[in-house]
Amino acid sequence: MLAIREFNHAQFYNILQKKHEELLKESKLNYSEIRMFYQALIQYPTEETLDLMKYSLKQTKGIKKKTHGKYIWLAIDKYPNEIFDNLKSKIKIDEIDEMDFETERKF
């Protein structure tokens, strides 16, 4: 994912789409993998990418939804693009997460 984040190319988008499906199906959360995935995905500022992020939030529940939401929010914050601004404003962040976000922003 790091290579895709740093050297995004249209060819890699299919890889990200497949990874997205895998991440949503996995029962265990790999926080660093989810973080890097959304940072790579956001390098493709398209409606399709926006739809994938929205789908992540609709298809997950509980801690999984909170985790995906957190890393989507952080990716948007780190790599801003107006196409994602509305989604970022809809993701709810609680006080505990705000402290954690300061640490996460470094990655």
PDB file of N, CA and C in Angstrom:
ATOM      1  N   MET A   1       0.815  -1.194   0.000  1.00  0.00           N
ATOM      2  CA  MET A   1       0.000   0.000   0.000  1.00  0.00           C
ATOM      3  C   MET A   1       0.862   1.262   0.000  1.00  0.00           C
ATOM      4  N   LEU A   2       1.996   1.199   0.664  1.00  0.00           N
ATOM      5  CA  LEU A   2       2.872   2.366   0.700  1.00  0.00           C
ATOM      6  C   LEU A   2       3.299   2.770  -0.707  1.00  0.00           C
ATOM      7  N   ALA A   3       3.648   1.790  -1.526  1.00  0.00           N
ATOM      8  CA  ALA A   3       4.066   2.087  -2.897  1.00  0.00           C
ATOM      9  C   ALA A   3       2.927   2.729  -3.685  1.00  0.00           C
ATOM     10  N   ILE A   4       1.706   2.241  -3.495  1.00  0.00           N
ATOM     11  CA  ILE A   4       0.561   2.814  -4.199  1.00  0.00           C
ATOM     12  C   ILE A   4       0.293   4.224  -3.705  1.00  0.00           C
ATOM     13  N   ARG A   5       0.445   4.444  -2.407  1.00  0.00           N
ATOM     14  CA  ARG A   5       0.231   5.787  -1.857  1.00  0.00           C
ATOM     15  C   ARG A   5       1.229   6.770  -2.452  1.00  0.00           C
ATOM     16  N   GLU A   6       2.473   6.343  -2.551  1.00  0.00           N
ATOM     17  CA  GLU A   6       3.528   7.245  -3.007  1.00  0.00           C
ATOM     18  C   GLU A   6       3.601   7.363  -4.524  1.00  0.00           C
ATOM     19  N   PHE A   7       3.238   6.303  -5.229  1.00  0.00           N
ATOM     20  CA  PHE A   7       3.358   6.288  -6.686  1.00  0.00           C
ATOM     21  C   PHE A   7       2.042   5.829  -7.310  1.00  0.00           C
ATOM     22  N   ASN A   8       0.990   6.583  -7.046  1.00  0.00           N
ATOM     23  CA  ASN A   8      -0.317   6.172  -7.543  1.00  0.00           C
ATOM     24  C   ASN A   8      -0.355   6.174  -9.070  1.00  0.00           C
ATOM     25  N   HIS A   9      -0.980   5.174  -9.598  1.00  0.00           N
ATOM     26  CA  HIS A   9      -1.148   5.012 -11.033  1.00  0.00           C
ATOM     27  C   HIS A   9      -2.484   4.308 -11.242  1.00  0.00           C
ATOM     28  N   ALA A  10      -3.131   4.619 -12.342  1.00  0.00           N
ATOM     29  CA  ALA A  10      -4.456   4.049 -12.617  1.00  0.00           C
ATOM     30  C   ALA A  10      -4.476   2.521 -12.544  1.00  0.00           C
ATOM     31  N   GLN A  11      -3.367   1.881 -12.906  1.00  0.00           N
ATOM     32  CA  GLN A  11      -3.284   0.416 -12.864  1.00  0.00           C
ATOM     33  C   GLN A  11      -3.506  -0.143 -11.458  1.00  0.00           C
ATOM     34  N   PHE A  12      -3.131   0.621 -10.456  1.00  0.00           N
ATOM     35  CA  PHE A  12      -3.208   0.136  -9.079  1.00  0.00           C
ATOM     36  C   PHE A  12      -4.616   0.195  -8.493  1.00  0.00           C
ATOM     37  N   TYR A  13      -5.511   0.910  -9.138  1.00  0.00           N
ATOM     38  CA  TYR A  13      -6.840   1.100  -8.562  1.00  0.00           C
ATOM     39  C   TYR A  13      -7.583  -0.225  -8.378  1.00  0.00           C
ATOM     40  N   ASN A  14      -7.431  -1.132  -9.317  1.00  0.00           N
ATOM     41  CA  ASN A  14      -8.064  -2.455  -9.174  1.00  0.00           C
ATOM     42  C   ASN A  14      -7.556  -3.193  -7.944  1.00  0.00           C
ATOM     43  N   ILE A  15      -6.282  -3.047  -7.649  1.00  0.00           N
ATOM     44  CA  ILE A  15      -5.706  -3.664  -6.449  1.00  0.00           C
ATOM     45  C   ILE A  15      -6.385  -3.090  -5.210  1.00  0.00           C
ATOM     46  N   LEU A  16      -6.573  -1.791  -5.204  1.00  0.00           N
ATOM     47  CA  LEU A  16      -7.227  -1.144  -4.063  1.00  0.00           C
ATOM     48  C   LEU A  16      -8.683  -1.597  -3.922  1.00  0.00           C
ATOM     49  N   GLN A  17      -9.367  -1.752  -5.028  1.00  0.00           N
ATOM     50  CA  GLN A  17     -10.755  -2.213  -4.965  1.00  0.00           C
ATOM     51  C   GLN A  17     -10.854  -3.611  -4.355  1.00  0.00           C
ATOM     52  N   LYS A  18      -9.951  -4.496  -4.758  1.00  0.00           N
ATOM     53  CA  LYS A  18      -9.945  -5.852  -4.196  1.00  0.00           C
ATOM     54  C   LYS A  18      -9.590  -5.825  -2.717  1.00  0.00           C
ATOM     55  N   LYS A  19      -8.618  -4.993  -2.367  1.00  0.00           N
ATOM     56  CA  LYS A  19      -8.205  -4.884  -0.962  1.00  0.00           C
ATOM     57  C   LYS A  19      -9.358  -4.337  -0.125  1.00  0.00           C
ATOM     58  N   HIS A  20     -10.113  -3.423  -0.674  1.00  0.00           N
ATOM     59  CA  HIS A  20     -11.259  -2.850   0.027  1.00  0.00           C
ATOM     60  C   HIS A  20     -12.251  -3.944   0.416  1.00  0.00           C
ATOM     61  N   GLU A  21     -12.553  -4.814  -0.530  1.00  0.00           N
ATOM     62  CA  GLU A  21     -13.459  -5.928  -0.254  1.00  0.00           C
ATOM     63  C   GLU A  21     -12.913  -6.814   0.855  1.00  0.00           C
ATOM     64  N   GLU A  22     -11.613  -7.106   0.801  1.00  0.00           N
ATOM     65  CA  GLU A  22     -10.987  -7.951   1.821  1.00  0.00           C
ATOM     66  C   GLU A  22     -11.063  -7.298   3.202  1.00  0.00           C
ATOM     67  N   LEU A  23     -10.764  -6.013   3.269  1.00  0.00           N
ATOM     68  CA  LEU A  23     -10.768  -5.323   4.558  1.00  0.00           C
ATOM     69  C   LEU A  23     -12.153  -5.310   5.195  1.00  0.00           C
ATOM     70  N   LEU A  24     -13.170  -5.182   4.374  1.00  0.00           N
ATOM     71  CA  LEU A  24     -14.527  -5.167   4.919  1.00  0.00           C
ATOM     72  C   LEU A  24     -14.971  -6.544   5.387  1.00  0.00           C
ATOM     73  N   LYS A  25     -14.427  -7.594   4.790  1.00  0.00           N
ATOM     74  CA  LYS A  25     -14.801  -8.961   5.164  1.00  0.00           C
ATOM     75  C   LYS A  25     -14.018  -9.493   6.361  1.00  0.00           C
ATOM     76  N   GLU A  26     -12.808  -8.980   6.570  1.00  0.00           N
ATOM     77  CA  GLU A  26     -11.952  -9.502   7.645  1.00  0.00           C
ATOM     78  C   GLU A  26     -12.597  -9.282   9.004  1.00  0.00           C
ATOM     79  N   SER A  27     -12.507 -10.302   9.848  1.00  0.00           N
ATOM     80  CA  SER A  27     -13.082 -10.169  11.184  1.00  0.00           C
ATOM     81  C   SER A  27     -12.119  -9.469  12.146  1.00  0.00           C
ATOM     82  N   LYS A  28     -10.822  -9.665  11.943  1.00  0.00           N
ATOM     83  CA  LYS A  28      -9.829  -8.986  12.775  1.00  0.00           C
ATOM     84  C   LYS A  28      -9.427  -7.673  12.118  1.00  0.00           C
ATOM     85  N   LEU A  29      -9.204  -6.673  12.950  1.00  0.00           N
ATOM     86  CA  LEU A  29      -8.803  -5.364  12.444  1.00  0.00           C
ATOM     87  C   LEU A  29      -7.286  -5.224  12.472  1.00  0.00           C
ATOM     88  N   ASN A  30      -6.717  -4.887  11.354  1.00  0.00           N
ATOM     89  CA  ASN A  30      -5.290  -4.574  11.259  1.00  0.00           C
ATOM     90  C   ASN A  30      -5.216  -3.068  11.052  1.00  0.00           C
ATOM     91  N   TYR A  31      -5.019  -2.339  12.153  1.00  0.00           N
ATOM     92  CA  TYR A  31      -5.120  -0.886  12.132  1.00  0.00           C
ATOM     93  C   TYR A  31      -4.136  -0.230  11.167  1.00  0.00           C
ATOM     94  N   SER A  32      -2.894  -0.668  11.170  1.00  0.00           N
ATOM     95  CA  SER A  32      -1.911  -0.040  10.276  1.00  0.00           C
ATOM     96  C   SER A  32      -2.246  -0.321   8.809  1.00  0.00           C
ATOM     97  N   GLU A  33      -2.773  -1.496   8.527  1.00  0.00           N
ATOM     98  CA  GLU A  33      -3.154  -1.830   7.159  1.00  0.00           C
ATOM     99  C   GLU A  33      -4.350  -0.984   6.702  1.00  0.00           C
ATOM    100  N   ILE A  34      -5.321  -0.808   7.578  1.00  0.00           N
ATOM    101  CA  ILE A  34      -6.485   0.013   7.250  1.00  0.00           C
ATOM    102  C   ILE A  34      -6.061   1.466   7.051  1.00  0.00           C
ATOM    103  N   ARG A  35      -5.208   1.966   7.932  1.00  0.00           N
ATOM    104  CA  ARG A  35      -4.712   3.346   7.808  1.00  0.00           C
ATOM    105  C   ARG A  35      -4.014   3.555   6.470  1.00  0.00           C
ATOM    106  N   MET A  36      -3.100   2.663   6.125  1.00  0.00           N
ATOM    107  CA  MET A  36      -2.349   2.802   4.885  1.00  0.00           C
ATOM    108  C   MET A  36      -3.260   2.623   3.670  1.00  0.00           C
ATOM    109  N   PHE A  37      -4.235   1.731   3.770  1.00  0.00           N
ATOM    110  CA  PHE A  37      -5.173   1.529   2.663  1.00  0.00           C
ATOM    111  C   PHE A  37      -5.886   2.827   2.314  1.00  0.00           C
ATOM    112  N   TYR A  38      -6.458   3.503   3.316  1.00  0.00           N
ATOM    113  CA  TYR A  38      -7.197   4.729   3.021  1.00  0.00           C
ATOM    114  C   TYR A  38      -6.274   5.859   2.561  1.00  0.00           C
ATOM    115  N   GLN A  39      -5.046   5.876   3.045  1.00  0.00           N
ATOM    116  CA  GLN A  39      -4.101   6.874   2.553  1.00  0.00           C
ATOM    117  C   GLN A  39      -3.734   6.611   1.095  1.00  0.00           C
ATOM    118  N   ALA A  40      -3.695   5.353   0.699  1.00  0.00           N
ATOM    119  CA  ALA A  40      -3.441   5.018  -0.709  1.00  0.00           C
ATOM    120  C   ALA A  40      -4.682   5.320  -1.554  1.00  0.00           C
ATOM    121  N   LEU A  41      -5.842   4.929  -1.063  1.00  0.00           N
ATOM    122  CA  LEU A  41      -7.083   5.125  -1.809  1.00  0.00           C
ATOM    123  C   LEU A  41      -7.346   6.602  -2.089  1.00  0.00           C
ATOM    124  N   ILE A  42      -7.059   7.441  -1.135  1.00  0.00           N
ATOM    125  CA  ILE A  42      -7.376   8.870  -1.286  1.00  0.00           C
ATOM    126  C   ILE A  42      -6.505   9.560  -2.331  1.00  0.00           C
ATOM    127  N   GLN A  43      -5.482   8.882  -2.790  1.00  0.00           N
ATOM    128  CA  GLN A  43      -4.642   9.438  -3.860  1.00  0.00           C
ATOM    129  C   GLN A  43      -5.381   9.447  -5.196  1.00  0.00           C
ATOM    130  N   TYR A  44      -6.556   8.838  -5.218  1.00  0.00           N
ATOM    131  CA  TYR A  44      -7.400   8.776  -6.419  1.00  0.00           C
ATOM    132  C   TYR A  44      -8.684   9.562  -6.130  1.00  0.00           C
ATOM    133  N   PRO A  45      -8.646  10.885  -6.225  1.00  0.00           N
ATOM    134  CA  PRO A  45      -9.796  11.718  -5.847  1.00  0.00           C
ATOM    135  C   PRO A  45     -10.899  11.716  -6.917  1.00  0.00           C
ATOM    136  N   THR A  46     -11.675  10.641  -6.903  1.00  0.00           N
ATOM    137  CA  THR A  46     -12.762  10.483  -7.870  1.00  0.00           C
ATOM    138  C   THR A  46     -14.063  10.176  -7.135  1.00  0.00           C
ATOM    139  N   GLU A  47     -15.156  10.269  -7.850  1.00  0.00           N
ATOM    140  CA  GLU A  47     -16.448   9.901  -7.280  1.00  0.00           C
ATOM    141  C   GLU A  47     -16.455   8.425  -6.873  1.00  0.00           C
ATOM    142  N   GLU A  48     -15.769   7.607  -7.642  1.00  0.00           N
ATOM    143  CA  GLU A  48     -15.703   6.171  -7.335  1.00  0.00           C
ATOM    144  C   GLU A  48     -15.014   5.945  -5.989  1.00  0.00           C
ATOM    145  N   THR A  49     -13.950   6.687  -5.743  1.00  0.00           N
ATOM    146  CA  THR A  49     -13.252   6.586  -4.460  1.00  0.00           C
ATOM    147  C   THR A  49     -14.158   7.055  -3.330  1.00  0.00           C
ATOM    148  N   LEU A  50     -14.829   8.157  -3.543  1.00  0.00           N
ATOM    149  CA  LEU A  50     -15.766   8.666  -2.544  1.00  0.00           C
ATOM    150  C   LEU A  50     -16.838   7.618  -2.243  1.00  0.00           C
ATOM    151  N   ASP A  51     -17.346   6.979  -3.273  1.00  0.00           N
ATOM    152  CA  ASP A  51     -18.356   5.936  -3.081  1.00  0.00           C
ATOM    153  C   ASP A  51     -17.812   4.745  -2.298  1.00  0.00           C
ATOM    154  N   LEU A  52     -16.562   4.367  -2.540  1.00  0.00           N
ATOM    155  CA  LEU A  52     -15.955   3.265  -1.776  1.00  0.00           C
ATOM    156  C   LEU A  52     -15.872   3.623  -0.296  1.00  0.00           C
ATOM    157  N   MET A  53     -15.481   4.851  -0.012  1.00  0.00           N
ATOM    158  CA  MET A  53     -15.385   5.281   1.387  1.00  0.00           C
ATOM    159  C   MET A  53     -16.758   5.304   2.052  1.00  0.00           C
ATOM    160  N   LYS A  54     -17.744   5.809   1.346  1.00  0.00           N
ATOM    161  CA  LYS A  54     -19.113   5.825   1.888  1.00  0.00           C
ATOM    162  C   LYS A  54     -19.605   4.400   2.122  1.00  0.00           C
ATOM    163  N   TYR A  55     -19.294   3.522   1.187  1.00  0.00           N
ATOM    164  CA  TYR A  55     -19.689   2.123   1.313  1.00  0.00           C
ATOM    165  C   TYR A  55     -19.057   1.495   2.563  1.00  0.00           C
ATOM    166  N   SER A  56     -17.809   1.828   2.826  1.00  0.00           N
ATOM    167  CA  SER A  56     -17.133   1.315   4.026  1.00  0.00           C
ATOM    168  C   SER A  56     -17.909   1.680   5.274  1.00  0.00           C
ATOM    169  N   LEU A  57     -18.375   2.902   5.333  1.00  0.00           N
ATOM    170  CA  LEU A  57     -19.092   3.376   6.515  1.00  0.00           C
ATOM    171  C   LEU A  57     -20.492   2.758   6.620  1.00  0.00           C
ATOM    172  N   LYS A  58     -21.097   2.470   5.478  1.00  0.00           N
ATOM    173  CA  LYS A  58     -22.438   1.866   5.491  1.00  0.00           C
ATOM    174  C   LYS A  58     -22.400   0.376   5.822  1.00  0.00           C
ATOM    175  N   GLN A  59     -21.342  -0.303   5.425  1.00  0.00           N
ATOM    176  CA  GLN A  59     -21.288  -1.761   5.545  1.00  0.00           C
ATOM    177  C   GLN A  59     -20.640  -2.252   6.838  1.00  0.00           C
ATOM    178  N   THR A  60     -20.145  -1.354   7.651  1.00  0.00           N
ATOM    179  CA  THR A  60     -19.491  -1.767   8.885  1.00  0.00           C
ATOM    180  C   THR A  60     -20.312  -1.305  10.081  1.00  0.00           C
ATOM    181  N   LYS A  61     -20.073  -1.968  11.208  1.00  0.00           N
ATOM    182  CA  LYS A  61     -20.792  -1.639  12.439  1.00  0.00           C
ATOM    183  C   LYS A  61     -19.816  -1.655  13.608  1.00  0.00           C
ATOM    184  N   GLY A  62     -20.216  -1.003  14.689  1.00  0.00           N
ATOM    185  CA  GLY A  62     -19.459  -1.048  15.926  1.00  0.00           C
ATOM    186  C   GLY A  62     -18.028  -0.552  15.780  1.00  0.00           C
ATOM    187  N   ILE A  63     -17.107  -1.289  16.396  1.00  0.00           N
ATOM    188  CA  ILE A  63     -15.703  -0.898  16.392  1.00  0.00           C
ATOM    189  C   ILE A  63     -15.124  -0.885  14.981  1.00  0.00           C
ATOM    190  N   LYS A  64     -15.610  -1.762  14.143  1.00  0.00           N
ATOM    191  CA  LYS A  64     -15.137  -1.801  12.756  1.00  0.00           C
ATOM    192  C   LYS A  64     -15.515  -0.509  12.031  1.00  0.00           C
ATOM    193  N   LYS A  65     -16.742  -0.049  12.225  1.00  0.00           N
ATOM    194  CA  LYS A  65     -17.188   1.207  11.607  1.00  0.00           C
ATOM    195  C   LYS A  65     -16.385   2.380  12.163  1.00  0.00           C
ATOM    196  N   LYS A  66     -16.183   2.383  13.452  1.00  0.00           N
ATOM    197  CA  LYS A  66     -15.426   3.462  14.093  1.00  0.00           C
ATOM    198  C   LYS A  66     -13.990   3.498  13.553  1.00  0.00           C
ATOM    199  N   THR A  67     -13.394   2.329  13.385  1.00  0.00           N
ATOM    200  CA  THR A  67     -12.017   2.239  12.891  1.00  0.00           C
ATOM    201  C   THR A  67     -11.916   2.715  11.447  1.00  0.00           C
ATOM    202  N   HIS A  68     -12.800   2.230  10.591  1.00  0.00           N
ATOM    203  CA  HIS A  68     -12.775   2.660   9.191  1.00  0.00           C
ATOM    204  C   HIS A  68     -13.058   4.160   9.096  1.00  0.00           C
ATOM    205  N   GLY A  69     -14.011   4.650   9.870  1.00  0.00           N
ATOM    206  CA  GLY A  69     -14.320   6.076   9.877  1.00  0.00           C
ATOM    207  C   GLY A  69     -13.128   6.918  10.306  1.00  0.00           C
ATOM    208  N   LYS A  70     -12.460   6.450  11.334  1.00  0.00           N
ATOM    209  CA  LYS A  70     -11.281   7.165  11.843  1.00  0.00           C
ATOM    210  C   LYS A  70     -10.211   7.285  10.767  1.00  0.00           C
ATOM    211  N   TYR A  71      -9.922   6.186  10.085  1.00  0.00           N
ATOM    212  CA  TYR A  71      -8.844   6.215   9.103  1.00  0.00           C
ATOM    213  C   TYR A  71      -9.262   6.895   7.801  1.00  0.00           C
ATOM    214  N   ILE A  72     -10.527   6.891   7.483  1.00  0.00           N
ATOM    215  CA  ILE A  72     -10.998   7.691   6.360  1.00  0.00           C
ATOM    216  C   ILE A  72     -10.820   9.169   6.699  1.00  0.00           C
ATOM    217  N   TRP A  73     -11.249   9.564   7.893  1.00  0.00           N
ATOM    218  CA  TRP A  73     -11.129  10.950   8.332  1.00  0.00           C
ATOM    219  C   TRP A  73      -9.668  11.395   8.310  1.00  0.00           C
ATOM    220  N   LEU A  74      -8.796  10.555   8.846  1.00  0.00           N
ATOM    221  CA  LEU A  74      -7.371  10.907   8.879  1.00  0.00           C
ATOM    222  C   LEU A  74      -6.771  11.020   7.484  1.00  0.00           C
ATOM    223  N   ALA A  75      -7.169  10.142   6.575  1.00  0.00           N
ATOM    224  CA  ALA A  75      -6.661  10.209   5.197  1.00  0.00           C
ATOM    225  C   ALA A  75      -7.105  11.515   4.534  1.00  0.00           C
ATOM    226  N   ILE A  76      -8.358  11.876   4.743  1.00  0.00           N
ATOM    227  CA  ILE A  76      -8.871  13.129   4.175  1.00  0.00           C
ATOM    228  C   ILE A  76      -8.133  14.322   4.788  1.00  0.00           C
ATOM    229  N   ASP A  77      -7.867  14.246   6.072  1.00  0.00           N
ATOM    230  CA  ASP A  77      -7.160  15.324   6.761  1.00  0.00           C
ATOM    231  C   ASP A  77      -5.715  15.455   6.260  1.00  0.00           C
ATOM    232  N   LYS A  78      -5.080  14.330   6.034  1.00  0.00           N
ATOM    233  CA  LYS A  78      -3.675  14.336   5.611  1.00  0.00           C
ATOM    234  C   LYS A  78      -3.519  14.709   4.135  1.00  0.00           C
ATOM    235  N   TYR A  79      -4.467  14.287   3.315  1.00  0.00           N
ATOM    236  CA  TYR A  79      -4.423  14.535   1.866  1.00  0.00           C
ATOM    237  C   TYR A  79      -5.727  15.211   1.441  1.00  0.00           C
ATOM    238  N   PRO A  80      -5.906  16.476   1.807  1.00  0.00           N
ATOM    239  CA  PRO A  80      -7.185  17.140   1.542  1.00  0.00           C
ATOM    240  C   PRO A  80      -7.498  17.289   0.050  1.00  0.00           C
ATOM    241  N   ASN A  81      -8.773  17.124  -0.244  1.00  0.00           N
ATOM    242  CA  ASN A  81      -9.284  17.352  -1.587  1.00  0.00           C
ATOM    243  C   ASN A  81     -10.763  17.673  -1.417  1.00  0.00           C
ATOM    244  N   GLU A  82     -11.212  18.692  -2.081  1.00  0.00           N
ATOM    245  CA  GLU A  82     -12.581  19.160  -1.865  1.00  0.00           C
ATOM    246  C   GLU A  82     -13.641  18.096  -2.137  1.00  0.00           C
ATOM    247  N   ILE A  83     -13.341  17.119  -2.962  1.00  0.00           N
ATOM    248  CA  ILE A  83     -14.323  16.066  -3.248  1.00  0.00           C
ATOM    249  C   ILE A  83     -14.687  15.277  -1.979  1.00  0.00           C
ATOM    250  N   PHE A  84     -13.775  15.249  -0.999  1.00  0.00           N
ATOM    251  CA  PHE A  84     -13.994  14.464   0.215  1.00  0.00           C
ATOM    252  C   PHE A  84     -14.435  15.300   1.418  1.00  0.00           C
ATOM    253  N   ASP A  85     -14.475  16.618   1.277  1.00  0.00           N
ATOM    254  CA  ASP A  85     -14.778  17.494   2.419  1.00  0.00           C
ATOM    255  C   ASP A  85     -16.111  17.180   3.081  1.00  0.00           C
ATOM    256  N   ASN A  86     -17.136  16.955   2.290  1.00  0.00           N
ATOM    257  CA  ASN A  86     -18.459  16.693   2.851  1.00  0.00           C
ATOM    258  C   ASN A  86     -18.467  15.393   3.662  1.00  0.00           C
ATOM    259  N   LEU A  87     -17.793  14.378   3.149  1.00  0.00           N
ATOM    260  CA  LEU A  87     -17.724  13.107   3.878  1.00  0.00           C
ATOM    261  C   LEU A  87     -16.992  13.290   5.205  1.00  0.00           C
ATOM    262  N   LYS A  88     -15.889  14.010   5.179  1.00  0.00           N
ATOM    263  CA  LYS A  88     -15.116  14.237   6.409  1.00  0.00           C
ATOM    264  C   LYS A  88     -15.983  14.892   7.479  1.00  0.00           C
ATOM    265  N   SER A  89     -16.783  15.862   7.083  1.00  0.00           N
ATOM    266  CA  SER A  89     -17.612  16.570   8.061  1.00  0.00           C
ATOM    267  C   SER A  89     -18.711  15.687   8.647  1.00  0.00           C
ATOM    268  N   LYS A  90     -19.055  14.609   7.965  1.00  0.00           N
ATOM    269  CA  LYS A  90     -20.105  13.702   8.448  1.00  0.00           C
ATOM    270  C   LYS A  90     -19.584  12.617   9.395  1.00  0.00           C
ATOM    271  N   ILE A  91     -18.271  12.430   9.435  1.00  0.00           N
ATOM    272  CA  ILE A  91     -17.699  11.389  10.296  1.00  0.00           C
ATOM    273  C   ILE A  91     -17.574  11.943  11.713  1.00  0.00           C
ATOM    274  N   LYS A  92     -18.213  11.285  12.638  1.00  0.00           N
ATOM    275  CA  LYS A  92     -18.229  11.720  14.038  1.00  0.00           C
ATOM    276  C   LYS A  92     -16.964  11.250  14.764  1.00  0.00           C
ATOM    277  N   ILE A  93     -16.330  12.168  15.434  1.00  0.00           N
ATOM    278  CA  ILE A  93     -15.106  11.883  16.184  1.00  0.00           C
ATOM    279  C   ILE A  93     -15.371  12.220  17.650  1.00  0.00           C
ATOM    280  N   ASP A  94     -15.100  11.271  18.552  1.00  0.00           N
ATOM    281  CA  ASP A  94     -15.308  11.579  19.968  1.00  0.00           C
ATOM    282  C   ASP A  94     -13.999  12.071  20.594  1.00  0.00           C
ATOM    283  N   GLU A  95     -14.075  12.534  21.837  1.00  0.00           N
ATOM    284  CA  GLU A  95     -12.917  13.144  22.494  1.00  0.00           C
ATOM    285  C   GLU A  95     -11.733  12.192  22.625  1.00  0.00           C
ATOM    286  N   ILE A  96     -11.999  10.935  22.905  1.00  0.00           N
ATOM    287  CA  ILE A  96     -10.911   9.959  23.040  1.00  0.00           C
ATOM    288  C   ILE A  96     -10.169   9.836  21.716  1.00  0.00           C
ATOM    289  N   ASP A  97     -10.918   9.773  20.636  1.00  0.00           N
ATOM    290  CA  ASP A  97     -10.302   9.676  19.317  1.00  0.00           C
ATOM    291  C   ASP A  97      -9.489  10.916  18.984  1.00  0.00           C
ATOM    292  N   GLU A  98      -9.937  12.088  19.421  1.00  0.00           N
ATOM    293  CA  GLU A  98      -9.205  13.315  19.122  1.00  0.00           C
ATOM    294  C   GLU A  98      -7.777  13.251  19.643  1.00  0.00           C
ATOM    295  N   MET A  99      -7.587  12.693  20.830  1.00  0.00           N
ATOM    296  CA  MET A  99      -6.232  12.561  21.375  1.00  0.00           C
ATOM    297  C   MET A  99      -5.421  11.579  20.541  1.00  0.00           C
ATOM    298  N   ASP A 100      -6.047  10.481  20.167  1.00  0.00           N
ATOM    299  CA  ASP A 100      -5.400   9.462  19.361  1.00  0.00           C
ATOM    300  C   ASP A 100      -5.053   9.999  17.966  1.00  0.00           C
ATOM    301  N   PHE A 101      -5.884  10.871  17.454  1.00  0.00           N
ATOM    302  CA  PHE A 101      -5.667  11.422  16.119  1.00  0.00           C
ATOM    303  C   PHE A 101      -4.364  12.202  16.032  1.00  0.00           C
ATOM    304  N   GLU A 102      -4.023  12.904  17.080  1.00  0.00           N
ATOM    305  CA  GLU A 102      -2.778  13.668  17.058  1.00  0.00           C
ATOM    306  C   GLU A 102      -1.575  12.750  16.844  1.00  0.00           C
ATOM    307  N   THR A 103      -1.606  11.578  17.449  1.00  0.00           N
ATOM    308  CA  THR A 103      -0.539  10.607  17.258  1.00  0.00           C
ATOM    309  C   THR A 103      -0.623  10.012  15.856  1.00  0.00           C
ATOM    310  N   GLU A 104      -1.806   9.649  15.428  1.00  0.00           N
ATOM    311  CA  GLU A 104      -2.003   9.004  14.127  1.00  0.00           C
ATOM    312  C   GLU A 104      -1.631   9.914  12.957  1.00  0.00           C
ATOM    313  N   ARG A 105      -1.800  11.208  13.111  1.00  0.00           N
ATOM    314  CA  ARG A 105      -1.505  12.136  12.015  1.00  0.00           C
ATOM    315  C   ARG A 105      -0.044  12.066  11.569  1.00  0.00           C
ATOM    316  N   LYS A 106       0.813  11.551  12.423  1.00  0.00           N
ATOM    317  CA  LYS A 106       2.231  11.487  12.115  1.00  0.00           C
ATOM    318  C   LYS A 106       2.557  10.393  11.100  1.00  0.00           C
ATOM    319  N   PHE A 107       1.626   9.451  10.907  1.00  0.00           N
ATOM    320  CA  PHE A 107       1.897   8.306  10.029  1.00  0.00           C
ATOM    321  C   PHE A 107       1.379   8.517   8.645  1.00  0.00           C
TER     322      PHE A 107
END
